[in-house]
Amino acid sequence: MTPSVCKCATIRLGFSLTSTMKPLAFLCDCGLGWGGDETPNLRKCLYRFLNRNGTKKTTLKTQTHSYVGKLRHTMSNTGVYSPTTVPEDKSKWFIVPTDLLDKCRCLIKVAQVLLSFVAFILEEVVTSCSQCSRLYFFEFVSCTAFLFTALLLILLSTNLHKKVGVDCWPALDFLYTVGIGLFFLVASIVFSSGNGGTDLEKTAVVFGFMATIAFLFDAGWFVKTRGFPFKKTNQPSSNNVNGTPPEAEKLNSDG
């Protein structure tokens, strides 16, 4: 089979391989691609093609080398080189890591959700209480932490946060994490200081403190990796309060 018949693809070239042939669709059918390491095989394929079409042997090597360059140039300019990697699916729902949530903080928030949930469940299965107000306060904080942290995790790890209409996600994330961490700390201390002393209540307190550590660690990691979210970066210089360029002030003083 001659190289002018291709099993996989054809390329329309703007030049003839011989003086008597019209522009043709050409691609070597000997399993060749167009990588740099396959140029010798491409040259051999073209050499056989030109030899079969009556090219003079004195100019065969020169024309083969010339046509190899023209073919590669045409391939690159006509968009034949198609990307071999699959483009990223823009419709995927899980987008971590992003500017709002990296993988480390995503795992920390998953731990927060689980610890808060376990603390809430352990508190719920307590059948009797000696100081119920402390128990109810711990119940409220653990339930709130579980629900809102899960909601925040879903929003930040998907494209749903773009549909909410909130622009200050880093500040909101930081304030919530610090606030719920402090509430969990207070609730755990209050509940540990007054409960029935059962194993369920003690275990719930332990998970409450673990959740507190997770929230406060998340806030500290946020500041370490991203800085304080309320820090102003664009502050005008003290010597340019009126907005007059320094060069203009200098020229006016000299005049």
C-alpha atoms as a PDB file:
ATOM      1  CA  MET A   1       0.000   0.000   0.000  1.00  0.00           C
ATOM      2  CA  THR A   2       1.335   3.418  -0.929  1.00  0.00           C
ATOM      3  CA  PRO A   3       1.679   6.099   1.689  1.00  0.00           C
ATOM      4  CA  SER A   4      -0.882   8.256  -0.114  1.00  0.00           C
ATOM      5  CA  VAL A   5      -3.635   6.075   1.332  1.00  0.00           C
ATOM      6  CA  CYS A   6      -4.100   6.581   5.029  1.00  0.00           C
ATOM      7  CA  LYS A   7      -6.102   4.371   7.353  1.00  0.00           C
ATOM      8  CA  CYS A   8      -6.466   6.833  10.179  1.00  0.00           C
ATOM      9  CA  ALA A   9      -6.392  10.452   9.014  1.00  0.00           C
ATOM     10  CA  THR A  10      -5.685  12.714   6.020  1.00  0.00           C
ATOM     11  CA  ILE A  11      -4.099  16.120   5.746  1.00  0.00           C
ATOM     12  CA  ARG A  12      -4.714  18.449   2.842  1.00  0.00           C
ATOM     13  CA  LEU A  13      -1.425  19.981   1.822  1.00  0.00           C
ATOM     14  CA  GLY A  14      -0.890  23.130  -0.210  1.00  0.00           C
ATOM     15  CA  PHE A  15       1.907  21.737  -2.340  1.00  0.00           C
ATOM     16  CA  SER A  16       2.600  18.772  -4.669  1.00  0.00           C
ATOM     17  CA  LEU A  17       5.028  15.986  -3.939  1.00  0.00           C
ATOM     18  CA  THR A  18       5.875  15.729  -7.633  1.00  0.00           C
ATOM     19  CA  SER A  19       5.569  18.145 -10.482  1.00  0.00           C
ATOM     20  CA  THR A  20       2.750  16.141 -12.091  1.00  0.00           C
ATOM     21  CA  MET A  21       0.601  15.547  -8.979  1.00  0.00           C
ATOM     22  CA  LYS A  22      -2.101  17.862  -7.674  1.00  0.00           C
ATOM     23  CA  PRO A  23      -2.323  18.776  -3.981  1.00  0.00           C
ATOM     24  CA  LEU A  24      -3.287  15.550  -2.276  1.00  0.00           C
ATOM     25  CA  ALA A  25      -4.314  14.166   1.062  1.00  0.00           C
ATOM     26  CA  PHE A  26      -1.225  12.538   2.435  1.00  0.00           C
ATOM     27  CA  LEU A  27      -0.191  10.763   5.589  1.00  0.00           C
ATOM     28  CA  CYS A  28       2.080   7.754   5.887  1.00  0.00           C
ATOM     29  CA  ASP A  29       0.035   4.665   6.626  1.00  0.00           C
ATOM     30  CA  CYS A  30       2.882   2.813   8.299  1.00  0.00           C
ATOM     31  CA  GLY A  31       1.756   3.620  11.824  1.00  0.00           C
ATOM     32  CA  LEU A  32       3.661   6.885  12.110  1.00  0.00           C
ATOM     33  CA  GLY A  33       2.891   9.820  14.338  1.00  0.00           C
ATOM     34  CA  TRP A  34       4.534  13.197  14.242  1.00  0.00           C
ATOM     35  CA  GLY A  35       6.812  13.190  17.277  1.00  0.00           C
ATOM     36  CA  GLY A  36      10.413  14.268  16.944  1.00  0.00           C
ATOM     37  CA  ASP A  37      11.704  10.712  17.443  1.00  0.00           C
ATOM     38  CA  GLU A  38       9.627   9.488  14.459  1.00  0.00           C
ATOM     39  CA  THR A  39      11.179  11.818  11.881  1.00  0.00           C
ATOM     40  CA  PRO A  40      13.596   9.128  10.558  1.00  0.00           C
ATOM     41  CA  ASN A  41      10.667   6.769   9.911  1.00  0.00           C
ATOM     42  CA  LEU A  42       8.749   9.596   8.244  1.00  0.00           C
ATOM     43  CA  ARG A  43      11.742  10.323   6.050  1.00  0.00           C
ATOM     44  CA  LYS A  44      11.978   6.655   5.018  1.00  0.00           C
ATOM     45  CA  CYS A  45       8.270   6.574   4.208  1.00  0.00           C
ATOM     46  CA  LEU A  46       8.537   9.695   2.039  1.00  0.00           C
ATOM     47  CA  TYR A  47      11.677   8.341   0.405  1.00  0.00           C
ATOM     48  CA  ARG A  48       9.814   5.203  -0.711  1.00  0.00           C
ATOM     49  CA  PHE A  49       6.853   7.274  -1.922  1.00  0.00           C
ATOM     50  CA  LEU A  50       8.987   9.610  -4.013  1.00  0.00           C
ATOM     51  CA  ASN A  51      10.988   6.709  -5.372  1.00  0.00           C
ATOM     52  CA  ARG A  52       7.807   4.998  -6.531  1.00  0.00           C
ATOM     53  CA  ASN A  53       6.615   8.163  -8.286  1.00  0.00           C
ATOM     54  CA  GLY A  54       9.671   8.493 -10.501  1.00  0.00           C
ATOM     55  CA  THR A  55      11.747  11.058  -8.663  1.00  0.00           C
ATOM     56  CA  LYS A  56      15.312  11.171  -9.891  1.00  0.00           C
ATOM     57  CA  LYS A  57      17.704   9.361  -7.578  1.00  0.00           C
ATOM     58  CA  THR A  58      20.156  12.281  -7.704  1.00  0.00           C
ATOM     59  CA  THR A  59      17.640  14.584  -6.021  1.00  0.00           C
ATOM     60  CA  LEU A  60      15.717  11.981  -4.033  1.00  0.00           C
ATOM     61  CA  LYS A  61      17.369  12.651  -0.649  1.00  0.00           C
ATOM     62  CA  THR A  62      17.204  16.406  -1.048  1.00  0.00           C
ATOM     63  CA  GLN A  63      13.505  16.407  -1.935  1.00  0.00           C
ATOM     64  CA  THR A  64      12.747  13.943   0.855  1.00  0.00           C
ATOM     65  CA  HIS A  65      14.376  16.210   3.430  1.00  0.00           C
ATOM     66  CA  SER A  66      12.555  19.244   1.997  1.00  0.00           C
ATOM     67  CA  TYR A  67       9.161  17.543   2.047  1.00  0.00           C
ATOM     68  CA  VAL A  68       9.635  16.318   5.601  1.00  0.00           C
ATOM     69  CA  GLY A  69      10.102  19.912   6.715  1.00  0.00           C
ATOM     70  CA  LYS A  70       7.098  21.097   4.705  1.00  0.00           C
ATOM     71  CA  LEU A  71       4.911  18.316   6.051  1.00  0.00           C
ATOM     72  CA  ARG A  72       5.805  19.040   9.661  1.00  0.00           C
ATOM     73  CA  HIS A  73       5.289  22.774   9.123  1.00  0.00           C
ATOM     74  CA  THR A  74       1.878  22.177   7.529  1.00  0.00           C
ATOM     75  CA  MET A  75       0.871  19.811  10.303  1.00  0.00           C
ATOM     76  CA  SER A  76       1.675  22.386  12.969  1.00  0.00           C
ATOM     77  CA  ASN A  77      -0.103  25.255  11.192  1.00  0.00           C
ATOM     78  CA  THR A  78      -3.302  23.410  10.251  1.00  0.00           C
ATOM     79  CA  GLY A  79      -4.186  22.283  13.744  1.00  0.00           C
ATOM     80  CA  VAL A  80      -3.492  18.612  13.113  1.00  0.00           C
ATOM     81  CA  TYR A  81      -1.738  18.321  16.409  1.00  0.00           C
ATOM     82  CA  SER A  82      -4.657  17.667  18.713  1.00  0.00           C
ATOM     83  CA  PRO A  83      -4.253  17.623  22.471  1.00  0.00           C
ATOM     84  CA  THR A  84      -3.819  14.124  23.861  1.00  0.00           C
ATOM     85  CA  THR A  85      -5.048  15.008  27.325  1.00  0.00           C
ATOM     86  CA  VAL A  86      -8.723  15.117  28.160  1.00  0.00           C
ATOM     87  CA  PRO A  87      -9.824  18.688  28.958  1.00  0.00           C
ATOM     88  CA  GLU A  88     -10.895  19.359  32.485  1.00  0.00           C
ATOM     89  CA  ASP A  89     -14.569  18.832  33.048  1.00  0.00           C
ATOM     90  CA  LYS A  90     -15.968  22.214  34.047  1.00  0.00           C
ATOM     91  CA  SER A  91     -19.213  20.628  35.213  1.00  0.00           C
ATOM     92  CA  LYS A  92     -17.742  18.533  37.993  1.00  0.00           C
ATOM     93  CA  TRP A  93     -19.273  19.282  41.352  1.00  0.00           C
ATOM     94  CA  PHE A  94     -16.200  18.803  43.592  1.00  0.00           C
ATOM     95  CA  ILE A  95     -13.634  21.535  42.862  1.00  0.00           C
ATOM     96  CA  VAL A  96     -11.135  21.257  45.746  1.00  0.00           C
ATOM     97  CA  PRO A  97      -8.456  22.583  45.827  1.00  0.00           C
ATOM     98  CA  THR A  98      -9.506  26.160  45.091  1.00  0.00           C
ATOM     99  CA  ASP A  99      -8.580  29.647  46.246  1.00  0.00           C
ATOM    100  CA  LEU A 100     -11.185  29.339  48.984  1.00  0.00           C
ATOM    101  CA  LEU A 101     -10.421  25.840  50.253  1.00  0.00           C
ATOM    102  CA  ASP A 102      -7.290  23.748  49.878  1.00  0.00           C
ATOM    103  CA  LYS A 103      -7.051  20.019  50.487  1.00  0.00           C
ATOM    104  CA  CYS A 104      -5.663  20.357  54.005  1.00  0.00           C
ATOM    105  CA  ARG A 105      -8.419  22.652  55.250  1.00  0.00           C
ATOM    106  CA  CYS A 106     -11.003  20.528  53.451  1.00  0.00           C
ATOM    107  CA  LEU A 107      -9.888  17.502  55.487  1.00  0.00           C
ATOM    108  CA  ILE A 108      -9.912  19.592  58.668  1.00  0.00           C
ATOM    109  CA  LYS A 109     -13.493  20.682  57.989  1.00  0.00           C
ATOM    110  CA  VAL A 110     -14.524  17.091  57.355  1.00  0.00           C
ATOM    111  CA  ALA A 111     -13.077  16.246  60.776  1.00  0.00           C
ATOM    112  CA  GLN A 112     -15.009  19.150  62.301  1.00  0.00           C
ATOM    113  CA  VAL A 113     -18.262  17.849  60.848  1.00  0.00           C
ATOM    114  CA  LEU A 114     -17.639  14.317  62.105  1.00  0.00           C
ATOM    115  CA  LEU A 115     -16.541  15.347  65.602  1.00  0.00           C
ATOM    116  CA  SER A 116     -19.467  17.724  66.007  1.00  0.00           C
ATOM    117  CA  PHE A 117     -21.869  15.073  64.800  1.00  0.00           C
ATOM    118  CA  VAL A 118     -20.523  12.449  67.214  1.00  0.00           C
ATOM    119  CA  ALA A 119     -20.658  14.918  70.119  1.00  0.00           C
ATOM    120  CA  PHE A 120     -24.257  15.776  69.228  1.00  0.00           C
ATOM    121  CA  ILE A 121     -25.320  12.106  68.954  1.00  0.00           C
ATOM    122  CA  LEU A 122     -23.677  11.193  72.268  1.00  0.00           C
ATOM    123  CA  GLU A 123     -25.456  14.061  73.958  1.00  0.00           C
ATOM    124  CA  GLU A 124     -28.777  13.057  72.394  1.00  0.00           C
ATOM    125  CA  VAL A 125     -28.684   9.523  73.786  1.00  0.00           C
ATOM    126  CA  VAL A 126     -28.322  10.801  77.365  1.00  0.00           C
ATOM    127  CA  THR A 127     -31.594   9.789  79.043  1.00  0.00           C
ATOM    128  CA  SER A 128     -31.365  11.813  82.254  1.00  0.00           C
ATOM    129  CA  CYS A 129     -29.595  14.984  83.334  1.00  0.00           C
ATOM    130  CA  SER A 130     -28.885  16.627  86.658  1.00  0.00           C
ATOM    131  CA  GLN A 131     -28.280  20.092  85.173  1.00  0.00           C
ATOM    132  CA  CYS A 132     -30.250  20.099  81.975  1.00  0.00           C
ATOM    133  CA  SER A 133     -29.481  23.692  80.975  1.00  0.00           C
ATOM    134  CA  ARG A 134     -25.795  22.816  80.504  1.00  0.00           C
ATOM    135  CA  LEU A 135     -26.770  19.783  78.491  1.00  0.00           C
ATOM    136  CA  TYR A 136     -29.107  21.770  76.291  1.00  0.00           C
ATOM    137  CA  PHE A 137     -26.490  24.431  75.669  1.00  0.00           C
ATOM    138  CA  PHE A 138     -23.983  21.776  74.594  1.00  0.00           C
ATOM    139  CA  GLU A 139     -26.667  20.229  72.404  1.00  0.00           C
ATOM    140  CA  PHE A 140     -27.394  23.539  70.687  1.00  0.00           C
ATOM    141  CA  VAL A 141     -23.724  24.314  70.018  1.00  0.00           C
ATOM    142  CA  SER A 142     -22.835  20.824  68.753  1.00  0.00           C
ATOM    143  CA  CYS A 143     -25.892  20.682  66.484  1.00  0.00           C
ATOM    144  CA  THR A 144     -25.228  24.174  65.124  1.00  0.00           C
ATOM    145  CA  ALA A 145     -21.567  23.358  64.498  1.00  0.00           C
ATOM    146  CA  PHE A 146     -22.452  20.163  62.663  1.00  0.00           C
ATOM    147  CA  LEU A 147     -25.105  21.681  60.415  1.00  0.00           C
ATOM    148  CA  PHE A 148     -23.416  24.967  59.533  1.00  0.00           C
ATOM    149  CA  THR A 149     -19.956  23.466  59.090  1.00  0.00           C
ATOM    150  CA  ALA A 150     -21.376  20.840  56.760  1.00  0.00           C
ATOM    151  CA  LEU A 151     -23.166  23.578  54.819  1.00  0.00           C
ATOM    152  CA  LEU A 152     -20.011  25.698  54.610  1.00  0.00           C
ATOM    153  CA  LEU A 153     -17.984  22.691  53.476  1.00  0.00           C
ATOM    154  CA  ILE A 154     -20.465  21.926  50.713  1.00  0.00           C
ATOM    155  CA  LEU A 155     -20.510  25.530  49.525  1.00  0.00           C
ATOM    156  CA  LEU A 156     -16.727  25.988  49.478  1.00  0.00           C
ATOM    157  CA  SER A 157     -15.962  22.626  47.877  1.00  0.00           C
ATOM    158  CA  THR A 158     -18.447  23.048  45.032  1.00  0.00           C
ATOM    159  CA  ASN A 159     -19.579  25.754  42.639  1.00  0.00           C
ATOM    160  CA  LEU A 160     -22.610  26.499  44.799  1.00  0.00           C
ATOM    161  CA  HIS A 161     -20.777  29.346  46.548  1.00  0.00           C
ATOM    162  CA  LYS A 162     -20.851  31.281  43.264  1.00  0.00           C
ATOM    163  CA  LYS A 163     -24.645  31.229  43.269  1.00  0.00           C
ATOM    164  CA  VAL A 164     -25.106  32.537  46.813  1.00  0.00           C
ATOM    165  CA  GLY A 165     -24.085  36.124  46.096  1.00  0.00           C
ATOM    166  CA  VAL A 166     -21.419  36.390  48.797  1.00  0.00           C
ATOM    167  CA  ASP A 167     -18.119  38.014  47.829  1.00  0.00           C
ATOM    168  CA  CYS A 168     -16.255  37.868  51.140  1.00  0.00           C
ATOM    169  CA  TRP A 169     -16.003  34.092  51.567  1.00  0.00           C
ATOM    170  CA  PRO A 170     -12.540  34.105  53.214  1.00  0.00           C
ATOM    171  CA  ALA A 171     -13.650  36.581  55.901  1.00  0.00           C
ATOM    172  CA  LEU A 172     -16.912  34.710  56.442  1.00  0.00           C
ATOM    173  CA  ASP A 173     -15.094  31.391  56.697  1.00  0.00           C
ATOM    174  CA  PHE A 174     -12.580  32.760  59.186  1.00  0.00           C
ATOM    175  CA  LEU A 175     -15.170  34.498  61.392  1.00  0.00           C
ATOM    176  CA  TYR A 176     -17.419  31.461  61.507  1.00  0.00           C
ATOM    177  CA  THR A 177     -14.553  29.081  62.304  1.00  0.00           C
ATOM    178  CA  VAL A 178     -13.254  31.238  65.140  1.00  0.00           C
ATOM    179  CA  GLY A 179     -16.735  31.937  66.492  1.00  0.00           C
ATOM    180  CA  ILE A 180     -17.984  28.358  66.510  1.00  0.00           C
ATOM    181  CA  GLY A 181     -14.672  27.174  67.938  1.00  0.00           C
ATOM    182  CA  LEU A 182     -15.000  29.558  70.889  1.00  0.00           C
ATOM    183  CA  PHE A 183     -18.651  28.589  71.418  1.00  0.00           C
ATOM    184  CA  PHE A 184     -17.702  24.915  71.388  1.00  0.00           C
ATOM    185  CA  LEU A 185     -14.952  25.589  73.915  1.00  0.00           C
ATOM    186  CA  VAL A 186     -17.331  27.361  76.282  1.00  0.00           C
ATOM    187  CA  ALA A 187     -20.025  24.696  75.848  1.00  0.00           C
ATOM    188  CA  SER A 188     -17.555  21.886  76.524  1.00  0.00           C
ATOM    189  CA  ILE A 189     -16.212  23.583  79.644  1.00  0.00           C
ATOM    190  CA  VAL A 190     -19.712  24.294  80.948  1.00  0.00           C
ATOM    191  CA  PHE A 191     -20.939  20.764  80.243  1.00  0.00           C
ATOM    192  CA  SER A 192     -17.855  19.153  81.770  1.00  0.00           C
ATOM    193  CA  SER A 193     -18.257  21.171  84.968  1.00  0.00           C
ATOM    194  CA  GLY A 194     -21.831  20.044  85.535  1.00  0.00           C
ATOM    195  CA  ASN A 195     -23.167  16.721  84.262  1.00  0.00           C
ATOM    196  CA  GLY A 196     -24.410  13.440  85.616  1.00  0.00           C
ATOM    197  CA  GLY A 197     -21.004  11.798  85.380  1.00  0.00           C
ATOM    198  CA  THR A 198     -22.140   9.061  83.018  1.00  0.00           C
ATOM    199  CA  ASP A 199     -19.824   7.572  80.426  1.00  0.00           C
ATOM    200  CA  LEU A 200     -21.918   9.023  77.595  1.00  0.00           C
ATOM    201  CA  GLU A 201     -21.661  12.542  78.990  1.00  0.00           C
ATOM    202  CA  LYS A 202     -17.917  12.246  79.577  1.00  0.00           C
ATOM    203  CA  THR A 203     -17.397  10.938  76.041  1.00  0.00           C
ATOM    204  CA  ALA A 204     -19.514  13.735  74.630  1.00  0.00           C
ATOM    205  CA  VAL A 205     -17.353  16.275  76.468  1.00  0.00           C
ATOM    206  CA  VAL A 206     -14.197  14.655  75.039  1.00  0.00           C
ATOM    207  CA  PHE A 207     -15.548  14.923  71.501  1.00  0.00           C
ATOM    208  CA  GLY A 208     -16.591  18.485  72.232  1.00  0.00           C
ATOM    209  CA  PHE A 209     -13.025  19.427  73.125  1.00  0.00           C
ATOM    210  CA  MET A 210     -11.705  17.564  70.092  1.00  0.00           C
ATOM    211  CA  ALA A 211     -14.073  19.501  67.858  1.00  0.00           C
ATOM    212  CA  THR A 212     -12.944  22.732  69.550  1.00  0.00           C
ATOM    213  CA  ILE A 213      -9.314  21.898  68.761  1.00  0.00           C
ATOM    214  CA  ALA A 214     -10.232  21.172  65.143  1.00  0.00           C
ATOM    215  CA  PHE A 215     -11.996  24.536  64.730  1.00  0.00           C
ATOM    216  CA  LEU A 216      -9.248  26.570  66.379  1.00  0.00           C
ATOM    217  CA  PHE A 217      -6.549  24.715  64.463  1.00  0.00           C
ATOM    218  CA  ASP A 218      -8.415  25.453  61.234  1.00  0.00           C
ATOM    219  CA  ALA A 219      -8.484  29.159  62.081  1.00  0.00           C
ATOM    220  CA  GLY A 220      -4.778  29.148  62.911  1.00  0.00           C
ATOM    221  CA  TRP A 221      -3.919  27.308  59.705  1.00  0.00           C
ATOM    222  CA  PHE A 222      -5.993  29.829  57.761  1.00  0.00           C
ATOM    223  CA  VAL A 223      -3.967  32.735  59.162  1.00  0.00           C
ATOM    224  CA  LYS A 224      -0.672  30.916  58.626  1.00  0.00           C
ATOM    225  CA  THR A 225      -1.309  30.013  54.983  1.00  0.00           C
ATOM    226  CA  ARG A 226      -3.438  32.940  53.799  1.00  0.00           C
ATOM    227  CA  GLY A 227      -2.903  35.710  56.316  1.00  0.00           C
ATOM    228  CA  PHE A 228      -5.444  37.700  58.261  1.00  0.00           C
ATOM    229  CA  PRO A 229      -8.509  38.132  55.993  1.00  0.00           C
ATOM    230  CA  PHE A 230      -9.198  41.717  57.130  1.00  0.00           C
ATOM    231  CA  LYS A 231      -5.689  43.015  56.507  1.00  0.00           C
ATOM    232  CA  LYS A 232      -5.671  45.923  54.059  1.00  0.00           C
ATOM    233  CA  THR A 233      -3.136  45.594  51.295  1.00  0.00           C
ATOM    234  CA  ASN A 234      -3.764  48.778  49.331  1.00  0.00           C
ATOM    235  CA  GLN A 235      -2.910  51.581  51.740  1.00  0.00           C
ATOM    236  CA  PRO A 236      -1.921  55.027  50.420  1.00  0.00           C
ATOM    237  CA  SER A 237       1.511  56.207  51.392  1.00  0.00           C
ATOM    238  CA  SER A 238       1.767  58.859  54.117  1.00  0.00           C
ATOM    239  CA  ASN A 239       3.700  61.277  51.912  1.00  0.00           C
ATOM    240  CA  ASN A 240       1.122  61.122  49.139  1.00  0.00           C
ATOM    241  CA  VAL A 241      -2.151  61.684  50.968  1.00  0.00           C
ATOM    242  CA  ASN A 242      -3.497  64.333  48.603  1.00  0.00           C
ATOM    243  CA  GLY A 243      -2.950  62.167  45.540  1.00  0.00           C
ATOM    244  CA  THR A 244      -0.310  64.454  43.985  1.00  0.00           C
ATOM    245  CA  PRO A 245       2.537  62.536  42.403  1.00  0.00           C
ATOM    246  CA  PRO A 246       5.903  63.068  44.169  1.00  0.00           C
ATOM    247  CA  GLU A 247       7.544  64.080  40.894  1.00  0.00           C
ATOM    248  CA  ALA A 248       4.994  66.851  40.333  1.00  0.00           C
ATOM    249  CA  GLU A 249       5.452  68.173  43.852  1.00  0.00           C
ATOM    250  CA  LYS A 250       9.202  68.325  43.332  1.00  0.00           C
ATOM    251  CA  LEU A 251       8.876  70.154  40.017  1.00  0.00           C
ATOM    252  CA  ASN A 252       6.448  72.675  41.478  1.00  0.00           C
ATOM    253  CA  SER A 253       8.771  73.393  44.394  1.00  0.00           C
ATOM    254  CA  ASP A 254      11.686  73.958  42.024  1.00  0.00           C
ATOM    255  CA  GLY A 255       9.661  76.375  39.885  1.00  0.00           C
END
